[in-house]
Amino acid sequence: MLSANARREEIYHLAVTTGLASVEELSARFEVTASTIRRDLALLNSQGKLARTYGGAMALGAHPEASLRQRTGEAFEQKHAIARWAASVIQPGENILLDAGSTAGALAHELRGSGPLFVTTPGINTLQELADCEGIEVDCLGGRLRGVSQSFVGPLAEAALERMSFDRVFLGADAVTAEDGICEADHAQTRLKELMARRGRAVYVLADSSKLGLRPFHAWARLALPWTLVTDDGADPGQVQKFRDAGVQVEVAAV
């Protein structure tokens, strides 16, 4: 059996040559447990060698950003548990800013029939979910359309935000860390998320447990305290504690 260092070196070369490696495949290949592989991937990620993904890892820059359609089917139960928790804190008559993305889409679905509410969003999926809801007034935060994320970004959206304020802001994330905030594939998205966070009295980041502590891309949105991370009960306790140690409030939704 390979030593731990040799195994990690092999994992790194596999990811570089194939672009993507799954925990299941690596566990079978090296005849070790899935938890051992996850620790290997976490170490390689912390060393800047690999980017963590849902269920595995990839070589940095070797894999494209997943489309909204692809992401909607991932961690489905976890995202909807997070969405139910988020919906439970929203009060009638509040003015909320709802991000684009699959978890935001799940929250939009939970809000159907819960008016009166005022919702502003840059996401096409969230707009479609709420468009025909009685009692919910919806504003589109328009701008340049990013096809892969089905969301609006850019100077027009940023300028509009400067004239708005919200009771609550709900942000999605490709990944999130206690040290650097929200990780995304595109700098225009991280710029918009930073501005969105500044416009809310209360700020929530909705991120399922597979996204905690990962660094799959190189664009970051840094969030000023206070803000709240809402994740699911599959989250690693060590990761949760890192956020709490950094002063972030953490809420855990039961799946």
C-alpha atoms as a PDB file:
ATOM      1  CA  MET A   1       0.000   0.000   0.000  1.00  0.00           C
ATOM      2  CA  LEU A   2       1.236   3.493  -0.842  1.00  0.00           C
ATOM      3  CA  SER A   3       2.257   5.911   1.873  1.00  0.00           C
ATOM      4  CA  ALA A   4      -0.075   8.854   2.489  1.00  0.00           C
ATOM      5  CA  ASN A   5       2.294  11.270   0.727  1.00  0.00           C
ATOM      6  CA  ALA A   6       2.676   8.983  -2.284  1.00  0.00           C
ATOM      7  CA  ARG A   7      -1.088   8.486  -2.486  1.00  0.00           C
ATOM      8  CA  ARG A   8      -1.693  12.239  -2.463  1.00  0.00           C
ATOM      9  CA  GLU A   9       0.887  12.706  -5.194  1.00  0.00           C
ATOM     10  CA  GLU A  10      -0.909  10.079  -7.293  1.00  0.00           C
ATOM     11  CA  ILE A  11      -4.265  11.756  -6.645  1.00  0.00           C
ATOM     12  CA  TYR A  12      -2.823  15.086  -7.782  1.00  0.00           C
ATOM     13  CA  HIS A  13      -1.456  13.618 -11.022  1.00  0.00           C
ATOM     14  CA  LEU A  14      -4.729  11.813 -11.725  1.00  0.00           C
ATOM     15  CA  ALA A  15      -6.709  15.028 -11.348  1.00  0.00           C
ATOM     16  CA  VAL A  16      -4.270  16.935 -13.571  1.00  0.00           C
ATOM     17  CA  THR A  17      -4.339  14.325 -16.336  1.00  0.00           C
ATOM     18  CA  THR A  18      -8.067  13.553 -16.263  1.00  0.00           C
ATOM     19  CA  GLY A  19      -9.372  16.933 -15.064  1.00  0.00           C
ATOM     20  CA  LEU A  20     -11.663  15.475 -12.408  1.00  0.00           C
ATOM     21  CA  ALA A  21     -11.476  12.793  -9.712  1.00  0.00           C
ATOM     22  CA  SER A  22     -14.318  11.486  -7.558  1.00  0.00           C
ATOM     23  CA  VAL A  23     -14.060  10.332  -3.950  1.00  0.00           C
ATOM     24  CA  GLU A  24     -15.702   7.016  -4.848  1.00  0.00           C
ATOM     25  CA  GLU A  25     -13.261   6.269  -7.674  1.00  0.00           C
ATOM     26  CA  LEU A  26     -10.217   7.272  -5.644  1.00  0.00           C
ATOM     27  CA  SER A  27     -11.332   5.229  -2.647  1.00  0.00           C
ATOM     28  CA  ALA A  28     -11.651   2.115  -4.815  1.00  0.00           C
ATOM     29  CA  ARG A  29      -8.384   2.749  -6.667  1.00  0.00           C
ATOM     30  CA  PHE A  30      -6.254   3.195  -3.535  1.00  0.00           C
ATOM     31  CA  GLU A  31      -8.220   0.783  -1.320  1.00  0.00           C
ATOM     32  CA  VAL A  32      -8.786   3.297   1.472  1.00  0.00           C
ATOM     33  CA  THR A  33     -11.938   4.731   3.004  1.00  0.00           C
ATOM     34  CA  ALA A  34     -13.851   7.652   1.541  1.00  0.00           C
ATOM     35  CA  SER A  35     -13.070   9.716   4.660  1.00  0.00           C
ATOM     36  CA  THR A  36      -9.334   9.159   4.072  1.00  0.00           C
ATOM     37  CA  ILE A  37      -9.696  10.391   0.492  1.00  0.00           C
ATOM     38  CA  ARG A  38     -11.658  13.440   1.653  1.00  0.00           C
ATOM     39  CA  ARG A  39      -8.839  14.309   4.060  1.00  0.00           C
ATOM     40  CA  ASP A  40      -6.320  13.911   1.230  1.00  0.00           C
ATOM     41  CA  LEU A  41      -8.369  16.200  -1.019  1.00  0.00           C
ATOM     42  CA  ALA A  42      -8.776  18.768   1.749  1.00  0.00           C
ATOM     43  CA  LEU A  43      -5.002  18.865   2.252  1.00  0.00           C
ATOM     44  CA  LEU A  44      -4.290  19.158  -1.491  1.00  0.00           C
ATOM     45  CA  ASN A  45      -6.886  21.921  -1.692  1.00  0.00           C
ATOM     46  CA  SER A  46      -5.301  23.817   1.227  1.00  0.00           C
ATOM     47  CA  GLN A  47      -1.944  23.559  -0.576  1.00  0.00           C
ATOM     48  CA  GLY A  48      -3.474  25.140  -3.674  1.00  0.00           C
ATOM     49  CA  LYS A  49      -2.948  22.029  -5.808  1.00  0.00           C
ATOM     50  CA  LEU A  50      -6.561  20.981  -6.388  1.00  0.00           C
ATOM     51  CA  ALA A  51     -10.012  22.547  -6.214  1.00  0.00           C
ATOM     52  CA  ARG A  52     -12.687  20.689  -4.245  1.00  0.00           C
ATOM     53  CA  THR A  53     -15.957  19.889  -6.000  1.00  0.00           C
ATOM     54  CA  TYR A  54     -19.189  18.201  -4.954  1.00  0.00           C
ATOM     55  CA  GLY A  55     -18.100  14.560  -4.493  1.00  0.00           C
ATOM     56  CA  GLY A  56     -14.462  14.947  -5.466  1.00  0.00           C
ATOM     57  CA  ALA A  57     -11.813  17.320  -6.775  1.00  0.00           C
ATOM     58  CA  MET A  58     -10.545  18.825 -10.003  1.00  0.00           C
ATOM     59  CA  ALA A  59      -7.352  20.334 -11.315  1.00  0.00           C
ATOM     60  CA  LEU A  60      -7.392  24.102 -10.951  1.00  0.00           C
ATOM     61  CA  GLY A  61      -8.703  25.659 -14.142  1.00  0.00           C
ATOM     62  CA  ALA A  62      -9.400  22.266 -15.713  1.00  0.00           C
ATOM     63  CA  HIS A  63     -13.159  22.133 -15.329  1.00  0.00           C
ATOM     64  CA  PRO A  64     -15.790  24.641 -16.461  1.00  0.00           C
ATOM     65  CA  GLU A  65     -18.323  26.289 -14.193  1.00  0.00           C
ATOM     66  CA  ALA A  66     -21.398  24.092 -13.800  1.00  0.00           C
ATOM     67  CA  SER A  67     -24.588  25.427 -15.332  1.00  0.00           C
ATOM     68  CA  LEU A  68     -27.594  26.347 -13.215  1.00  0.00           C
ATOM     69  CA  ARG A  69     -29.431  23.313 -14.576  1.00  0.00           C
ATOM     70  CA  GLN A  70     -26.616  21.001 -13.467  1.00  0.00           C
ATOM     71  CA  ARG A  71     -26.403  22.567 -10.009  1.00  0.00           C
ATOM     72  CA  THR A  72     -30.150  22.438  -9.398  1.00  0.00           C
ATOM     73  CA  GLY A  73     -30.034  18.643  -9.139  1.00  0.00           C
ATOM     74  CA  GLU A  74     -27.072  18.546  -6.740  1.00  0.00           C
ATOM     75  CA  ALA A  75     -27.644  18.311  -2.953  1.00  0.00           C
ATOM     76  CA  PHE A  76     -31.367  18.737  -3.634  1.00  0.00           C
ATOM     77  CA  GLU A  77     -32.645  17.809  -0.161  1.00  0.00           C
ATOM     78  CA  GLN A  78     -29.995  19.899   1.573  1.00  0.00           C
ATOM     79  CA  LYS A  79     -30.791  22.987  -0.490  1.00  0.00           C
ATOM     80  CA  HIS A  80     -34.491  22.703   0.199  1.00  0.00           C
ATOM     81  CA  ALA A  81     -33.899  22.234   3.937  1.00  0.00           C
ATOM     82  CA  ILE A  82     -31.801  25.411   3.915  1.00  0.00           C
ATOM     83  CA  ALA A  83     -34.514  27.180   1.926  1.00  0.00           C
ATOM     84  CA  ARG A  84     -37.195  26.185   4.449  1.00  0.00           C
ATOM     85  CA  TRP A  85     -35.107  27.577   7.299  1.00  0.00           C
ATOM     86  CA  ALA A  86     -34.508  30.838   5.410  1.00  0.00           C
ATOM     87  CA  ALA A  87     -38.200  31.222   4.573  1.00  0.00           C
ATOM     88  CA  SER A  88     -39.087  30.806   8.254  1.00  0.00           C
ATOM     89  CA  VAL A  89     -37.252  34.003   9.286  1.00  0.00           C
ATOM     90  CA  ILE A  90     -38.883  36.246   6.664  1.00  0.00           C
ATOM     91  CA  GLN A  91     -41.718  38.367   8.052  1.00  0.00           C
ATOM     92  CA  PRO A  92     -44.805  39.568   6.109  1.00  0.00           C
ATOM     93  CA  GLY A  93     -44.246  42.902   4.403  1.00  0.00           C
ATOM     94  CA  GLU A  94     -40.456  42.679   4.390  1.00  0.00           C
ATOM     95  CA  ASN A  95     -38.330  43.886   1.514  1.00  0.00           C
ATOM     96  CA  ILE A  96     -35.810  41.184   0.600  1.00  0.00           C
ATOM     97  CA  LEU A  97     -32.976  40.784  -1.883  1.00  0.00           C
ATOM     98  CA  LEU A  98     -32.754  37.253  -3.232  1.00  0.00           C
ATOM     99  CA  ASP A  99     -29.668  36.111  -5.132  1.00  0.00           C
ATOM    100  CA  ALA A 100     -29.629  33.977  -8.270  1.00  0.00           C
ATOM    101  CA  GLY A 101     -28.727  30.278  -8.143  1.00  0.00           C
ATOM    102  CA  SER A 102     -30.118  26.873  -7.268  1.00  0.00           C
ATOM    103  CA  THR A 103     -30.479  27.398  -3.501  1.00  0.00           C
ATOM    104  CA  ALA A 104     -32.014  30.833  -4.067  1.00  0.00           C
ATOM    105  CA  GLY A 105     -34.427  29.146  -6.466  1.00  0.00           C
ATOM    106  CA  ALA A 106     -35.401  26.706  -3.722  1.00  0.00           C
ATOM    107  CA  LEU A 107     -36.036  29.648  -1.385  1.00  0.00           C
ATOM    108  CA  ALA A 108     -38.153  31.400  -4.026  1.00  0.00           C
ATOM    109  CA  HIS A 109     -40.245  28.229  -4.272  1.00  0.00           C
ATOM    110  CA  GLU A 110     -40.743  28.226  -0.482  1.00  0.00           C
ATOM    111  CA  LEU A 111     -41.944  31.840  -0.624  1.00  0.00           C
ATOM    112  CA  ARG A 112     -44.813  31.129  -2.999  1.00  0.00           C
ATOM    113  CA  GLY A 113     -48.072  31.960  -1.254  1.00  0.00           C
ATOM    114  CA  SER A 114     -46.374  33.699   1.673  1.00  0.00           C
ATOM    115  CA  GLY A 115     -47.021  37.356   0.768  1.00  0.00           C
ATOM    116  CA  PRO A 116     -47.183  40.205   1.273  1.00  0.00           C
ATOM    117  CA  LEU A 117     -43.507  40.540   0.338  1.00  0.00           C
ATOM    118  CA  PHE A 118     -41.282  42.730  -1.805  1.00  0.00           C
ATOM    119  CA  VAL A 119     -38.560  40.760  -3.587  1.00  0.00           C
ATOM    120  CA  THR A 120     -35.686  42.015  -5.737  1.00  0.00           C
ATOM    121  CA  THR A 121     -33.549  39.458  -7.567  1.00  0.00           C
ATOM    122  CA  PRO A 122     -30.952  39.205 -10.365  1.00  0.00           C
ATOM    123  CA  GLY A 123     -31.869  35.569 -11.109  1.00  0.00           C
ATOM    124  CA  ILE A 124     -34.008  34.343 -13.982  1.00  0.00           C
ATOM    125  CA  ASN A 125     -35.020  31.182 -12.106  1.00  0.00           C
ATOM    126  CA  THR A 126     -36.115  33.172  -9.050  1.00  0.00           C
ATOM    127  CA  LEU A 127     -38.046  35.630 -11.219  1.00  0.00           C
ATOM    128  CA  GLN A 128     -39.873  32.775 -12.928  1.00  0.00           C
ATOM    129  CA  GLU A 129     -40.675  31.105  -9.607  1.00  0.00           C
ATOM    130  CA  LEU A 130     -42.264  34.259  -8.172  1.00  0.00           C
ATOM    131  CA  ALA A 131     -43.677  35.935 -11.283  1.00  0.00           C
ATOM    132  CA  ASP A 132     -47.268  34.738 -10.825  1.00  0.00           C
ATOM    133  CA  CYS A 133     -47.407  34.849  -7.008  1.00  0.00           C
ATOM    134  CA  GLU A 134     -50.242  36.895  -5.587  1.00  0.00           C
ATOM    135  CA  GLY A 135     -49.106  39.210  -2.813  1.00  0.00           C
ATOM    136  CA  ILE A 136     -45.423  39.199  -3.834  1.00  0.00           C
ATOM    137  CA  GLU A 137     -44.149  42.244  -5.697  1.00  0.00           C
ATOM    138  CA  VAL A 138     -41.060  41.342  -7.732  1.00  0.00           C
ATOM    139  CA  ASP A 139     -38.371  43.655  -9.109  1.00  0.00           C
ATOM    140  CA  CYS A 140     -35.676  42.452 -11.494  1.00  0.00           C
ATOM    141  CA  LEU A 141     -32.110  43.587 -10.841  1.00  0.00           C
ATOM    142  CA  GLY A 142     -31.164  43.827 -14.513  1.00  0.00           C
ATOM    143  CA  GLY A 143     -27.837  44.109 -16.303  1.00  0.00           C
ATOM    144  CA  ARG A 144     -25.616  41.841 -18.404  1.00  0.00           C
ATOM    145  CA  LEU A 145     -26.924  38.275 -18.568  1.00  0.00           C
ATOM    146  CA  ARG A 146     -24.532  35.456 -17.625  1.00  0.00           C
ATOM    147  CA  GLY A 147     -25.950  32.480 -19.477  1.00  0.00           C
ATOM    148  CA  VAL A 148     -24.249  29.782 -17.407  1.00  0.00           C
ATOM    149  CA  SER A 149     -25.676  31.094 -14.119  1.00  0.00           C
ATOM    150  CA  GLN A 150     -28.876  32.558 -15.601  1.00  0.00           C
ATOM    151  CA  SER A 151     -28.274  35.790 -13.674  1.00  0.00           C
ATOM    152  CA  PHE A 152     -27.761  39.493 -14.310  1.00  0.00           C
ATOM    153  CA  VAL A 153     -24.488  41.200 -13.337  1.00  0.00           C
ATOM    154  CA  GLY A 154     -22.486  44.284 -14.270  1.00  0.00           C
ATOM    155  CA  PRO A 155     -22.600  48.083 -13.914  1.00  0.00           C
ATOM    156  CA  LEU A 156     -26.351  48.449 -14.453  1.00  0.00           C
ATOM    157  CA  ALA A 157     -27.164  46.015 -11.655  1.00  0.00           C
ATOM    158  CA  GLU A 158     -24.548  47.626  -9.400  1.00  0.00           C
ATOM    159  CA  ALA A 159     -25.884  51.138 -10.035  1.00  0.00           C
ATOM    160  CA  ALA A 160     -29.433  50.031  -9.249  1.00  0.00           C
ATOM    161  CA  LEU A 161     -28.324  48.495  -5.940  1.00  0.00           C
ATOM    162  CA  GLU A 162     -26.878  51.811  -4.772  1.00  0.00           C
ATOM    163  CA  ARG A 163     -30.441  53.200  -4.693  1.00  0.00           C
ATOM    164  CA  MET A 164     -31.946  50.323  -2.701  1.00  0.00           C
ATOM    165  CA  SER A 165     -31.943  48.917   0.812  1.00  0.00           C
ATOM    166  CA  PHE A 166     -33.386  45.687   2.183  1.00  0.00           C
ATOM    167  CA  ASP A 167     -34.544  44.077   5.403  1.00  0.00           C
ATOM    168  CA  ARG A 168     -32.807  40.822   4.501  1.00  0.00           C
ATOM    169  CA  VAL A 169     -30.311  39.747   1.839  1.00  0.00           C
ATOM    170  CA  PHE A 170     -29.973  36.066   0.874  1.00  0.00           C
ATOM    171  CA  LEU A 171     -26.815  35.144  -1.052  1.00  0.00           C
ATOM    172  CA  GLY A 172     -25.874  31.907  -2.767  1.00  0.00           C
ATOM    173  CA  ALA A 173     -22.307  30.629  -3.228  1.00  0.00           C
ATOM    174  CA  ASP A 174     -20.277  28.215  -5.326  1.00  0.00           C
ATOM    175  CA  ALA A 175     -18.225  27.777  -2.147  1.00  0.00           C
ATOM    176  CA  VAL A 176     -17.646  29.661   1.096  1.00  0.00           C
ATOM    177  CA  THR A 177     -14.784  29.844   3.591  1.00  0.00           C
ATOM    178  CA  ALA A 178     -14.477  31.457   6.997  1.00  0.00           C
ATOM    179  CA  GLU A 179     -11.324  33.282   5.907  1.00  0.00           C
ATOM    180  CA  ASP A 180     -12.263  34.733   2.510  1.00  0.00           C
ATOM    181  CA  GLY A 181     -16.056  34.659   2.194  1.00  0.00           C
ATOM    182  CA  ILE A 182     -17.895  33.609  -0.959  1.00  0.00           C
ATOM    183  CA  CYS A 183     -16.081  31.929  -3.853  1.00  0.00           C
ATOM    184  CA  GLU A 184     -17.449  32.231  -7.403  1.00  0.00           C
ATOM    185  CA  ALA A 185     -16.314  31.528 -10.960  1.00  0.00           C
ATOM    186  CA  ASP A 186     -16.711  35.127 -12.119  1.00  0.00           C
ATOM    187  CA  HIS A 187     -15.467  38.447 -10.716  1.00  0.00           C
ATOM    188  CA  ALA A 188     -18.612  40.273 -11.839  1.00  0.00           C
ATOM    189  CA  GLN A 189     -20.634  37.939  -9.626  1.00  0.00           C
ATOM    190  CA  THR A 190     -18.443  38.450  -6.569  1.00  0.00           C
ATOM    191  CA  ARG A 191     -18.516  42.227  -7.051  1.00  0.00           C
ATOM    192  CA  LEU A 192     -22.326  42.147  -7.172  1.00  0.00           C
ATOM    193  CA  LYS A 193     -22.557  39.902  -4.102  1.00  0.00           C
ATOM    194  CA  GLU A 194     -20.370  42.282  -2.089  1.00  0.00           C
ATOM    195  CA  LEU A 195     -22.645  45.172  -3.035  1.00  0.00           C
ATOM    196  CA  MET A 196     -25.757  43.130  -2.265  1.00  0.00           C
ATOM    197  CA  ALA A 197     -24.441  42.343   1.211  1.00  0.00           C
ATOM    198  CA  ARG A 198     -23.873  46.035   1.936  1.00  0.00           C
ATOM    199  CA  ARG A 199     -27.503  46.887   1.215  1.00  0.00           C
ATOM    200  CA  GLY A 200     -29.135  44.617   3.809  1.00  0.00           C
ATOM    201  CA  ARG A 201     -29.872  44.973   7.529  1.00  0.00           C
ATOM    202  CA  ALA A 202     -29.416  41.204   7.849  1.00  0.00           C
ATOM    203  CA  VAL A 203     -27.266  39.106   5.495  1.00  0.00           C
ATOM    204  CA  TYR A 204     -27.502  35.333   5.023  1.00  0.00           C
ATOM    205  CA  VAL A 205     -25.273  33.057   2.936  1.00  0.00           C
ATOM    206  CA  LEU A 206     -27.129  29.908   1.882  1.00  0.00           C
ATOM    207  CA  ALA A 207     -24.581  27.126   1.312  1.00  0.00           C
ATOM    208  CA  ASP A 208     -25.069  23.379   1.632  1.00  0.00           C
ATOM    209  CA  SER A 209     -22.456  21.372   3.506  1.00  0.00           C
ATOM    210  CA  SER A 210     -20.589  20.288   0.350  1.00  0.00           C
ATOM    211  CA  LYS A 211     -19.550  23.918  -0.266  1.00  0.00           C
ATOM    212  CA  LEU A 212     -17.947  24.717   3.080  1.00  0.00           C
ATOM    213  CA  GLY A 213     -14.201  25.355   3.074  1.00  0.00           C
ATOM    214  CA  LEU A 214     -13.781  24.806  -0.671  1.00  0.00           C
ATOM    215  CA  ARG A 215     -11.801  26.991  -3.106  1.00  0.00           C
ATOM    216  CA  PRO A 216     -12.839  25.848  -6.608  1.00  0.00           C
ATOM    217  CA  PHE A 217     -12.338  29.246  -8.278  1.00  0.00           C
ATOM    218  CA  HIS A 218     -10.322  32.430  -7.812  1.00  0.00           C
ATOM    219  CA  ALA A 219     -12.987  35.158  -7.473  1.00  0.00           C
ATOM    220  CA  TRP A 220     -14.014  36.108  -3.935  1.00  0.00           C
ATOM    221  CA  ALA A 221     -16.661  38.251  -2.260  1.00  0.00           C
ATOM    222  CA  ARG A 222     -15.511  39.366   1.174  1.00  0.00           C
ATOM    223  CA  LEU A 223     -18.355  40.022   3.595  1.00  0.00           C
ATOM    224  CA  ALA A 224     -18.234  42.395   6.546  1.00  0.00           C
ATOM    225  CA  LEU A 225     -19.532  41.047   9.845  1.00  0.00           C
ATOM    226  CA  PRO A 226     -22.176  40.425  10.976  1.00  0.00           C
ATOM    227  CA  TRP A 227     -23.550  37.812   8.597  1.00  0.00           C
ATOM    228  CA  THR A 228     -25.157  34.400   8.979  1.00  0.00           C
ATOM    229  CA  LEU A 229     -24.193  31.140   7.292  1.00  0.00           C
ATOM    230  CA  VAL A 230     -27.148  28.802   6.755  1.00  0.00           C
ATOM    231  CA  THR A 231     -26.065  25.239   6.004  1.00  0.00           C
ATOM    232  CA  ASP A 232     -27.390  21.703   6.517  1.00  0.00           C
ATOM    233  CA  ASP A 233     -26.841  19.135   9.244  1.00  0.00           C
ATOM    234  CA  GLY A 234     -24.361  17.192   7.114  1.00  0.00           C
ATOM    235  CA  ALA A 235     -21.771  19.925   7.639  1.00  0.00           C
ATOM    236  CA  ASP A 236     -18.404  18.935   9.090  1.00  0.00           C
ATOM    237  CA  PRO A 237     -18.296  20.188  12.721  1.00  0.00           C
ATOM    238  CA  GLY A 238     -14.746  21.427  12.254  1.00  0.00           C
ATOM    239  CA  GLN A 239     -15.776  23.576   9.305  1.00  0.00           C
ATOM    240  CA  VAL A 240     -18.756  24.954  11.216  1.00  0.00           C
ATOM    241  CA  GLN A 241     -16.486  25.863  14.138  1.00  0.00           C
ATOM    242  CA  LYS A 242     -14.126  27.764  11.817  1.00  0.00           C
ATOM    243  CA  PHE A 243     -16.977  30.057  10.824  1.00  0.00           C
ATOM    244  CA  ARG A 244     -18.066  30.562  14.418  1.00  0.00           C
ATOM    245  CA  ASP A 245     -14.489  31.306  15.464  1.00  0.00           C
ATOM    246  CA  ALA A 246     -14.372  33.961  12.728  1.00  0.00           C
ATOM    247  CA  GLY A 247     -17.442  35.673  14.211  1.00  0.00           C
ATOM    248  CA  VAL A 248     -19.966  34.320  11.707  1.00  0.00           C
ATOM    249  CA  GLN A 249     -23.328  33.182  13.068  1.00  0.00           C
ATOM    250  CA  VAL A 250     -24.108  29.660  11.841  1.00  0.00           C
ATOM    251  CA  GLU A 251     -27.587  28.173  11.516  1.00  0.00           C
ATOM    252  CA  VAL A 252     -27.931  24.466  10.718  1.00  0.00           C
ATOM    253  CA  ALA A 253     -31.033  23.228   8.913  1.00  0.00           C
ATOM    254  CA  ALA A 254     -32.203  19.667   9.543  1.00  0.00           C
ATOM    255  CA  VAL A 255     -32.532  17.624   6.336  1.00  0.00           C
END
